[in-house]
Amino acid sequence: MEKKAIVHLKKLERIFLSIGYAVRYEKGNFTAGSCLLKGEKVIVINKHFTPEGKISYLGDVLRPMLKQMNIQLEAEDKLTLQEIFGENY
């Protein structure tokens, strides 16, 4: 499962890059969040999360972000999200 989760993380990172967000994994006393850092849109996740935890957080952030920004993903990206999160994503 770990290897598959890492592949899914890389795909999610690519999707975030395609909508203008960098994904960073940092250590610290926090869970995760998004911010604007020196003009760069960044999603920051605690590097000590499990791969599955990172995927879950990215999925939770991405859905409302796509709706709020009214972004239409490429068909390949939509299929990727359905593969990771299920058909109702």
PDB file of N, CA and C in Angstrom:
ATOM      1  N   MET A   1       0.830  -1.210   0.000  1.00  0.00           N
ATOM      2  CA  MET A   1       0.000   0.000   0.000  1.00  0.00           C
ATOM      3  C   MET A   1       0.861   1.257   0.000  1.00  0.00           C
ATOM      4  N   GLU A   2       1.954   1.233   0.701  1.00  0.00           N
ATOM      5  CA  GLU A   2       2.816   2.415   0.815  1.00  0.00           C
ATOM      6  C   GLU A   2       3.261   2.916  -0.563  1.00  0.00           C
ATOM      7  N   LYS A   3       3.687   2.005  -1.434  1.00  0.00           N
ATOM      8  CA  LYS A   3       4.169   2.411  -2.752  1.00  0.00           C
ATOM      9  C   LYS A   3       3.039   3.032  -3.575  1.00  0.00           C
ATOM     10  N   LYS A   4       1.848   2.432  -3.523  1.00  0.00           N
ATOM     11  CA  LYS A   4       0.700   2.963  -4.248  1.00  0.00           C
ATOM     12  C   LYS A   4       0.327   4.347  -3.711  1.00  0.00           C
ATOM     13  N   ALA A   5       0.408   4.515  -2.391  1.00  0.00           N
ATOM     14  CA  ALA A   5       0.094   5.809  -1.783  1.00  0.00           C
ATOM     15  C   ALA A   5       1.075   6.880  -2.251  1.00  0.00           C
ATOM     16  N   ILE A   6       2.327   6.530  -2.378  1.00  0.00           N
ATOM     17  CA  ILE A   6       3.333   7.501  -2.828  1.00  0.00           C
ATOM     18  C   ILE A   6       3.071   7.902  -4.279  1.00  0.00           C
ATOM     19  N   VAL A   7       2.673   6.940  -5.108  1.00  0.00           N
ATOM     20  CA  VAL A   7       2.318   7.248  -6.498  1.00  0.00           C
ATOM     21  C   VAL A   7       1.120   8.192  -6.523  1.00  0.00           C
ATOM     22  N   HIS A   8       0.123   7.932  -5.684  1.00  0.00           N
ATOM     23  CA  HIS A   8      -1.045   8.804  -5.612  1.00  0.00           C
ATOM     24  C   HIS A   8      -0.650  10.207  -5.139  1.00  0.00           C
ATOM     25  N   LEU A   9       0.254  10.292  -4.174  1.00  0.00           N
ATOM     26  CA  LEU A   9       0.710  11.608  -3.703  1.00  0.00           C
ATOM     27  C   LEU A   9       1.342  12.396  -4.847  1.00  0.00           C
ATOM     28  N   LYS A  10       2.188  11.753  -5.610  1.00  0.00           N
ATOM     29  CA  LYS A  10       2.847  12.436  -6.737  1.00  0.00           C
ATOM     30  C   LYS A  10       1.821  12.940  -7.749  1.00  0.00           C
ATOM     31  N   LYS A  11       0.790  12.135  -8.008  1.00  0.00           N
ATOM     32  CA  LYS A  11      -0.258  12.557  -8.941  1.00  0.00           C
ATOM     33  C   LYS A  11      -1.024  13.756  -8.391  1.00  0.00           C
ATOM     34  N   LEU A  12      -1.319  13.730  -7.087  1.00  0.00           N
ATOM     35  CA  LEU A  12      -2.016  14.861  -6.471  1.00  0.00           C
ATOM     36  C   LEU A  12      -1.157  16.120  -6.508  1.00  0.00           C
ATOM     37  N   GLU A  13       0.127  15.980  -6.235  1.00  0.00           N
ATOM     38  CA  GLU A  13       1.037  17.129  -6.297  1.00  0.00           C
ATOM     39  C   GLU A  13       1.018  17.740  -7.697  1.00  0.00           C
ATOM     40  N   ARG A  14       1.001  16.900  -8.719  1.00  0.00           N
ATOM     41  CA  ARG A  14       0.962  17.394 -10.104  1.00  0.00           C
ATOM     42  C   ARG A  14      -0.327  18.159 -10.376  1.00  0.00           C
ATOM     43  N   ILE A  15      -1.450  17.640  -9.850  1.00  0.00           N
ATOM     44  CA  ILE A  15      -2.728  18.323 -10.035  1.00  0.00           C
ATOM     45  C   ILE A  15      -2.692  19.687  -9.356  1.00  0.00           C
ATOM     46  N   PHE A  16      -2.162  19.753  -8.141  1.00  0.00           N
ATOM     47  CA  PHE A  16      -2.069  21.035  -7.453  1.00  0.00           C
ATOM     48  C   PHE A  16      -1.179  22.005  -8.231  1.00  0.00           C
ATOM     49  N   LEU A  17      -0.070  21.514  -8.768  1.00  0.00           N
ATOM     50  CA  LEU A  17       0.791  22.385  -9.579  1.00  0.00           C
ATOM     51  C   LEU A  17       0.038  22.922 -10.789  1.00  0.00           C
ATOM     52  N   SER A  18      -0.814  22.084 -11.379  1.00  0.00           N
ATOM     53  CA  SER A  18      -1.547  22.517 -12.571  1.00  0.00           C
ATOM     54  C   SER A  18      -2.542  23.639 -12.269  1.00  0.00           C
ATOM     55  N   ILE A  19      -2.956  23.776 -11.006  1.00  0.00           N
ATOM     56  CA  ILE A  19      -3.866  24.874 -10.649  1.00  0.00           C
ATOM     57  C   ILE A  19      -3.133  25.988  -9.890  1.00  0.00           C
ATOM     58  N   GLY A  20      -1.799  25.924  -9.885  1.00  0.00           N
ATOM     59  CA  GLY A  20      -1.016  27.031  -9.355  1.00  0.00           C
ATOM     60  C   GLY A  20      -0.590  26.924  -7.899  1.00  0.00           C
ATOM     61  N   TYR A  21      -0.685  25.753  -7.293  1.00  0.00           N
ATOM     62  CA  TYR A  21      -0.285  25.562  -5.895  1.00  0.00           C
ATOM     63  C   TYR A  21       0.887  24.604  -5.795  1.00  0.00           C
ATOM     64  N   ALA A  22       1.863  24.965  -4.971  1.00  0.00           N
ATOM     65  CA  ALA A  22       2.956  24.063  -4.639  1.00  0.00           C
ATOM     66  C   ALA A  22       2.563  23.289  -3.385  1.00  0.00           C
ATOM     67  N   VAL A  23       2.973  22.040  -3.295  1.00  0.00           N
ATOM     68  CA  VAL A  23       2.736  21.234  -2.100  1.00  0.00           C
ATOM     69  C   VAL A  23       4.081  21.020  -1.425  1.00  0.00           C
ATOM     70  N   ARG A  24       4.141  21.386  -0.141  1.00  0.00           N
ATOM     71  CA  ARG A  24       5.382  21.225   0.620  1.00  0.00           C
ATOM     72  C   ARG A  24       5.108  20.413   1.867  1.00  0.00           C
ATOM     73  N   TYR A  25       6.108  19.627   2.256  1.00  0.00           N
ATOM     74  CA  TYR A  25       6.037  18.822   3.464  1.00  0.00           C
ATOM     75  C   TYR A  25       7.104  19.340   4.412  1.00  0.00           C
ATOM     76  N   GLU A  26       6.657  19.867   5.544  1.00  0.00           N
ATOM     77  CA  GLU A  26       7.569  20.480   6.507  1.00  0.00           C
ATOM     78  C   GLU A  26       7.338  19.877   7.884  1.00  0.00           C
ATOM     79  N   LYS A  27       8.365  19.942   8.725  1.00  0.00           N
ATOM     80  CA  LYS A  27       8.179  19.478  10.094  1.00  0.00           C
ATOM     81  C   LYS A  27       7.862  20.676  10.976  1.00  0.00           C
ATOM     82  N   GLY A  28       7.122  20.408  12.034  1.00  0.00           N
ATOM     83  CA  GLY A  28       6.746  21.472  12.943  1.00  0.00           C
ATOM     84  C   GLY A  28       5.555  21.066  13.780  1.00  0.00           C
ATOM     85  N   ASN A  29       5.107  21.980  14.594  1.00  0.00           N
ATOM     86  CA  ASN A  29       3.991  21.734  15.501  1.00  0.00           C
ATOM     87  C   ASN A  29       2.694  22.237  14.855  1.00  0.00           C
ATOM     88  N   PHE A  30       2.292  21.594  13.792  1.00  0.00           N
ATOM     89  CA  PHE A  30       1.076  21.954  13.061  1.00  0.00           C
ATOM     90  C   PHE A  30       0.604  20.722  12.317  1.00  0.00           C
ATOM     91  N   THR A  31      -0.600  20.780  11.794  1.00  0.00           N
ATOM     92  CA  THR A  31      -1.106  19.660  11.000  1.00  0.00           C
ATOM     93  C   THR A  31      -0.911  19.961   9.518  1.00  0.00           C
ATOM     94  N   ALA A  32      -1.699  20.911   8.994  1.00  0.00           N
ATOM     95  CA  ALA A  32      -1.592  21.244   7.581  1.00  0.00           C
ATOM     96  C   ALA A  32      -2.378  22.513   7.315  1.00  0.00           C
ATOM     97  N   GLY A  33      -2.152  23.115   6.144  1.00  0.00           N
ATOM     98  CA  GLY A  33      -2.904  24.299   5.767  1.00  0.00           C
ATOM     99  C   GLY A  33      -2.433  24.842   4.438  1.00  0.00           C
ATOM    100  N   SER A  34      -3.123  25.867   3.975  1.00  0.00           N
ATOM    101  CA  SER A  34      -2.723  26.523   2.738  1.00  0.00           C
ATOM    102  C   SER A  34      -2.453  27.983   3.052  1.00  0.00           C
ATOM    103  N   CYS A  35      -1.560  28.585   2.263  1.00  0.00           N
ATOM    104  CA  CYS A  35      -1.230  29.975   2.518  1.00  0.00           C
ATOM    105  C   CYS A  35      -0.626  30.600   1.265  1.00  0.00           C
ATOM    106  N   LEU A  36      -0.447  31.894   1.336  1.00  0.00           N
ATOM    107  CA  LEU A  36       0.249  32.642   0.302  1.00  0.00           C
ATOM    108  C   LEU A  36       1.583  33.045   0.902  1.00  0.00           C
ATOM    109  N   LEU A  37       2.676  32.537   0.354  1.00  0.00           N
ATOM    110  CA  LEU A  37       4.006  32.762   0.901  1.00  0.00           C
ATOM    111  C   LEU A  37       4.853  33.477  -0.142  1.00  0.00           C
ATOM    112  N   LYS A  38       5.128  34.759   0.121  1.00  0.00           N
ATOM    113  CA  LYS A  38       5.909  35.573  -0.807  1.00  0.00           C
ATOM    114  C   LYS A  38       5.343  35.485  -2.232  1.00  0.00           C
ATOM    115  N   GLY A  39       4.022  35.584  -2.322  1.00  0.00           N
ATOM    116  CA  GLY A  39       3.362  35.574  -3.616  1.00  0.00           C
ATOM    117  C   GLY A  39       3.137  34.194  -4.208  1.00  0.00           C
ATOM    118  N   GLU A  40       3.615  33.142  -3.543  1.00  0.00           N
ATOM    119  CA  GLU A  40       3.447  31.774  -4.035  1.00  0.00           C
ATOM    120  C   GLU A  40       2.337  31.080  -3.254  1.00  0.00           C
ATOM    121  N   LYS A  41       1.421  30.437  -3.971  1.00  0.00           N
ATOM    122  CA  LYS A  41       0.352  29.675  -3.333  1.00  0.00           C
ATOM    123  C   LYS A  41       0.928  28.328  -2.903  1.00  0.00           C
ATOM    124  N   VAL A  42       0.790  28.022  -1.600  1.00  0.00           N
ATOM    125  CA  VAL A  42       1.433  26.837  -1.055  1.00  0.00           C
ATOM    126  C   VAL A  42       0.465  26.054  -0.175  1.00  0.00           C
ATOM    127  N   ILE A  43       0.491  24.737  -0.311  1.00  0.00           N
ATOM    128  CA  ILE A  43      -0.180  23.828   0.607  1.00  0.00           C
ATOM    129  C   ILE A  43       0.942  23.217   1.439  1.00  0.00           C
ATOM    130  N   VAL A  44       0.871  23.384   2.756  1.00  0.00           N
ATOM    131  CA  VAL A  44       1.912  22.864   3.650  1.00  0.00           C
ATOM    132  C   VAL A  44       1.308  21.755   4.503  1.00  0.00           C
ATOM    133  N   ILE A  45       1.981  20.616   4.504  1.00  0.00           N
ATOM    134  CA  ILE A  45       1.526  19.449   5.255  1.00  0.00           C
ATOM    135  C   ILE A  45       2.662  18.987   6.157  1.00  0.00           C
ATOM    136  N   ASN A  46       2.312  18.572   7.366  1.00  0.00           N
ATOM    137  CA  ASN A  46       3.307  18.051   8.284  1.00  0.00           C
ATOM    138  C   ASN A  46       3.954  16.814   7.671  1.00  0.00           C
ATOM    139  N   LYS A  47       5.275  16.836   7.582  1.00  0.00           N
ATOM    140  CA  LYS A  47       5.988  15.743   6.919  1.00  0.00           C
ATOM    141  C   LYS A  47       5.900  14.428   7.670  1.00  0.00           C
ATOM    142  N   HIS A  48       5.453  14.464   8.929  1.00  0.00           N
ATOM    143  CA  HIS A  48       5.346  13.243   9.719  1.00  0.00           C
ATOM    144  C   HIS A  48       4.004  12.534   9.535  1.00  0.00           C
ATOM    145  N   PHE A  49       3.093  13.120   8.760  1.00  0.00           N
ATOM    146  CA  PHE A  49       1.846  12.432   8.424  1.00  0.00           C
ATOM    147  C   PHE A  49       2.193  11.169   7.630  1.00  0.00           C
ATOM    148  N   THR A  50       1.351  10.172   7.726  1.00  0.00           N
ATOM    149  CA  THR A  50       1.504   8.997   6.867  1.00  0.00           C
ATOM    150  C   THR A  50       1.149   9.402   5.441  1.00  0.00           C
ATOM    151  N   PRO A  51       1.593   8.630   4.449  1.00  0.00           N
ATOM    152  CA  PRO A  51       1.184   8.947   3.076  1.00  0.00           C
ATOM    153  C   PRO A  51      -0.341   9.000   2.927  1.00  0.00           C
ATOM    154  N   GLU A  52      -1.038   8.090   3.594  1.00  0.00           N
ATOM    155  CA  GLU A  52      -2.498   8.077   3.521  1.00  0.00           C
ATOM    156  C   GLU A  52      -3.092   9.345   4.142  1.00  0.00           C
ATOM    157  N   GLY A  53      -2.493   9.829   5.227  1.00  0.00           N
ATOM    158  CA  GLY A  53      -2.947  11.063   5.864  1.00  0.00           C
ATOM    159  C   GLY A  53      -2.739  12.271   4.964  1.00  0.00           C
ATOM    160  N   LYS A  54      -1.617  12.283   4.271  1.00  0.00           N
ATOM    161  CA  LYS A  54      -1.328  13.372   3.330  1.00  0.00           C
ATOM    162  C   LYS A  54      -2.337  13.366   2.181  1.00  0.00           C
ATOM    163  N   ILE A  55      -2.622  12.176   1.666  1.00  0.00           N
ATOM    164  CA  ILE A  55      -3.601  12.046   0.577  1.00  0.00           C
ATOM    165  C   ILE A  55      -4.968  12.523   1.031  1.00  0.00           C
ATOM    166  N   SER A  56      -5.360  12.111   2.222  1.00  0.00           N
ATOM    167  CA  SER A  56      -6.666  12.506   2.758  1.00  0.00           C
ATOM    168  C   SER A  56      -6.768  14.018   2.876  1.00  0.00           C
ATOM    169  N   TYR A  57      -5.736  14.649   3.416  1.00  0.00           N
ATOM    170  CA  TYR A  57      -5.765  16.104   3.570  1.00  0.00           C
ATOM    171  C   TYR A  57      -5.836  16.789   2.204  1.00  0.00           C
ATOM    172  N   LEU A  58      -5.008  16.346   1.267  1.00  0.00           N
ATOM    173  CA  LEU A  58      -5.011  16.973  -0.056  1.00  0.00           C
ATOM    174  C   LEU A  58      -6.376  16.832  -0.734  1.00  0.00           C
ATOM    175  N   GLY A  59      -7.008  15.683  -0.562  1.00  0.00           N
ATOM    176  CA  GLY A  59      -8.345  15.495  -1.122  1.00  0.00           C
ATOM    177  C   GLY A  59      -9.364  16.416  -0.480  1.00  0.00           C
ATOM    178  N   ASP A  60      -9.258  16.586   0.850  1.00  0.00           N
ATOM    179  CA  ASP A  60     -10.183  17.469   1.564  1.00  0.00           C
ATOM    180  C   ASP A  60     -10.026  18.920   1.136  1.00  0.00           C
ATOM    181  N   VAL A  61      -8.821  19.329   0.795  1.00  0.00           N
ATOM    182  CA  VAL A  61      -8.548  20.713   0.401  1.00  0.00           C
ATOM    183  C   VAL A  61      -8.902  20.956  -1.064  1.00  0.00           C
ATOM    184  N   LEU A  62      -8.646  19.964  -1.899  1.00  0.00           N
ATOM    185  CA  LEU A  62      -8.794  20.163  -3.339  1.00  0.00           C
ATOM    186  C   LEU A  62     -10.241  20.370  -3.779  1.00  0.00           C
ATOM    187  N   ARG A  63     -11.160  19.581  -3.256  1.00  0.00           N
ATOM    188  CA  ARG A  63     -12.551  19.661  -3.711  1.00  0.00           C
ATOM    189  C   ARG A  63     -13.135  21.068  -3.560  1.00  0.00           C
ATOM    190  N   PRO A  64     -13.099  21.677  -2.361  1.00  0.00           N
ATOM    191  CA  PRO A  64     -13.665  23.025  -2.253  1.00  0.00           C
ATOM    192  C   PRO A  64     -12.866  24.068  -3.040  1.00  0.00           C
ATOM    193  N   MET A  65     -11.570  23.833  -3.170  1.00  0.00           N
ATOM    194  CA  MET A  65     -10.727  24.755  -3.924  1.00  0.00           C
ATOM    195  C   MET A  65     -11.155  24.787  -5.389  1.00  0.00           C
ATOM    196  N   LEU A  66     -11.424  23.621  -5.956  1.00  0.00           N
ATOM    197  CA  LEU A  66     -11.856  23.556  -7.357  1.00  0.00           C
ATOM    198  C   LEU A  66     -13.193  24.252  -7.552  1.00  0.00           C
ATOM    199  N   LYS A  67     -14.117  24.048  -6.604  1.00  0.00           N
ATOM    200  CA  LYS A  67     -15.428  24.696  -6.709  1.00  0.00           C
ATOM    201  C   LYS A  67     -15.311  26.205  -6.541  1.00  0.00           C
ATOM    202  N   GLN A  68     -14.554  26.628  -5.540  1.00  0.00           N
ATOM    203  CA  GLN A  68     -14.417  28.056  -5.257  1.00  0.00           C
ATOM    204  C   GLN A  68     -13.752  28.795  -6.415  1.00  0.00           C
ATOM    205  N   MET A  69     -12.743  28.184  -7.008  1.00  0.00           N
ATOM    206  CA  MET A  69     -12.000  28.821  -8.092  1.00  0.00           C
ATOM    207  C   MET A  69     -12.617  28.524  -9.454  1.00  0.00           C
ATOM    208  N   ASN A  70     -13.703  27.713  -9.470  1.00  0.00           N
ATOM    209  CA  ASN A  70     -14.394  27.335 -10.709  1.00  0.00           C
ATOM    210  C   ASN A  70     -13.411  26.775 -11.746  1.00  0.00           C
ATOM    211  N   ILE A  71     -12.620  25.799 -11.320  1.00  0.00           N
ATOM    212  CA  ILE A  71     -11.596  25.196 -12.173  1.00  0.00           C
ATOM    213  C   ILE A  71     -12.109  23.891 -12.767  1.00  0.00           C
ATOM    214  N   GLN A  72     -11.909  23.723 -14.056  1.00  0.00           N
ATOM    215  CA  GLN A  72     -12.225  22.483 -14.744  1.00  0.00           C
ATOM    216  C   GLN A  72     -10.920  21.737 -14.989  1.00  0.00           C
ATOM    217  N   LEU A  73     -10.820  20.542 -14.443  1.00  0.00           N
ATOM    218  CA  LEU A  73      -9.609  19.744 -14.611  1.00  0.00           C
ATOM    219  C   LEU A  73      -9.625  19.009 -15.948  1.00  0.00           C
ATOM    220  N   GLU A  74      -8.438  18.639 -16.390  1.00  0.00           N
ATOM    221  CA  GLU A  74      -8.313  17.794 -17.578  1.00  0.00           C
ATOM    222  C   GLU A  74      -8.944  16.435 -17.276  1.00  0.00           C
ATOM    223  N   ALA A  75      -9.365  15.736 -18.310  1.00  0.00           N
ATOM    224  CA  ALA A  75     -10.000  14.426 -18.151  1.00  0.00           C
ATOM    225  C   ALA A  75      -9.088  13.455 -17.412  1.00  0.00           C
ATOM    226  N   GLU A  76      -7.796  13.486 -17.712  1.00  0.00           N
ATOM    227  CA  GLU A  76      -6.837  12.594 -17.037  1.00  0.00           C
ATOM    228  C   GLU A  76      -6.797  12.865 -15.535  1.00  0.00           C
ATOM    229  N   ASP A  77      -6.830  14.138 -15.158  1.00  0.00           N
ATOM    230  CA  ASP A  77      -6.812  14.494 -13.734  1.00  0.00           C
ATOM    231  C   ASP A  77      -8.097  14.059 -13.040  1.00  0.00           C
ATOM    232  N   LYS A  78      -9.225  14.185 -13.722  1.00  0.00           N
ATOM    233  CA  LYS A  78     -10.499  13.730 -13.155  1.00  0.00           C
ATOM    234  C   LYS A  78     -10.462  12.227 -12.906  1.00  0.00           C
ATOM    235  N   LEU A  79      -9.916  11.481 -13.851  1.00  0.00           N
ATOM    236  CA  LEU A  79      -9.796  10.036 -13.691  1.00  0.00           C
ATOM    237  C   LEU A  79      -8.865   9.692 -12.524  1.00  0.00           C
ATOM    238  N   THR A  80      -7.792  10.445 -12.388  1.00  0.00           N
ATOM    239  CA  THR A  80      -6.861  10.229 -11.278  1.00  0.00           C
ATOM    240  C   THR A  80      -7.565  10.415  -9.948  1.00  0.00           C
ATOM    241  N   LEU A  81      -8.344  11.484  -9.827  1.00  0.00           N
ATOM    242  CA  LEU A  81      -9.062  11.748  -8.562  1.00  0.00           C
ATOM    243  C   LEU A  81     -10.094  10.665  -8.279  1.00  0.00           C
ATOM    244  N   GLN A  82     -10.762  10.180  -9.309  1.00  0.00           N
ATOM    245  CA  GLN A  82     -11.720   9.094  -9.119  1.00  0.00           C
ATOM    246  C   GLN A  82     -11.020   7.812  -8.701  1.00  0.00           C
ATOM    247  N   GLU A  83      -9.833   7.566  -9.262  1.00  0.00           N
ATOM    248  CA  GLU A  83      -9.058   6.385  -8.879  1.00  0.00           C
ATOM    249  C   GLU A  83      -8.646   6.447  -7.409  1.00  0.00           C
ATOM    250  N   ILE A  84      -8.233   7.619  -6.955  1.00  0.00           N
ATOM    251  CA  ILE A  84      -7.746   7.774  -5.585  1.00  0.00           C
ATOM    252  C   ILE A  84      -8.898   7.814  -4.581  1.00  0.00           C
ATOM    253  N   PHE A  85      -9.936   8.618  -4.867  1.00  0.00           N
ATOM    254  CA  PHE A  85     -10.970   8.912  -3.878  1.00  0.00           C
ATOM    255  C   PHE A  85     -12.308   8.231  -4.146  1.00  0.00           C
ATOM    256  N   GLY A  86     -12.473   7.639  -5.289  1.00  0.00           N
ATOM    257  CA  GLY A  86     -13.739   6.991  -5.610  1.00  0.00           C
ATOM    258  C   GLY A  86     -14.520   7.771  -6.651  1.00  0.00           C
ATOM    259  N   GLU A  87     -15.562   7.160  -7.143  1.00  0.00           N
ATOM    260  CA  GLU A  87     -16.324   7.722  -8.260  1.00  0.00           C
ATOM    261  C   GLU A  87     -17.021   9.029  -7.949  1.00  0.00           C
ATOM    262  N   ASN A  88     -17.348   9.285  -6.711  1.00  0.00           N
ATOM    263  CA  ASN A  88     -18.123  10.488  -6.377  1.00  0.00           C
ATOM    264  C   ASN A  88     -17.257  11.725  -6.156  1.00  0.00           C
ATOM    265  N   TYR A  89     -15.984  11.638  -6.461  1.00  0.00           N
ATOM    266  CA  TYR A  89     -15.135  12.804  -6.224  1.00  0.00           C
ATOM    267  C   TYR A  89     -15.370  13.835  -7.282  1.00  0.00           C
TER     268      TYR A  89
END
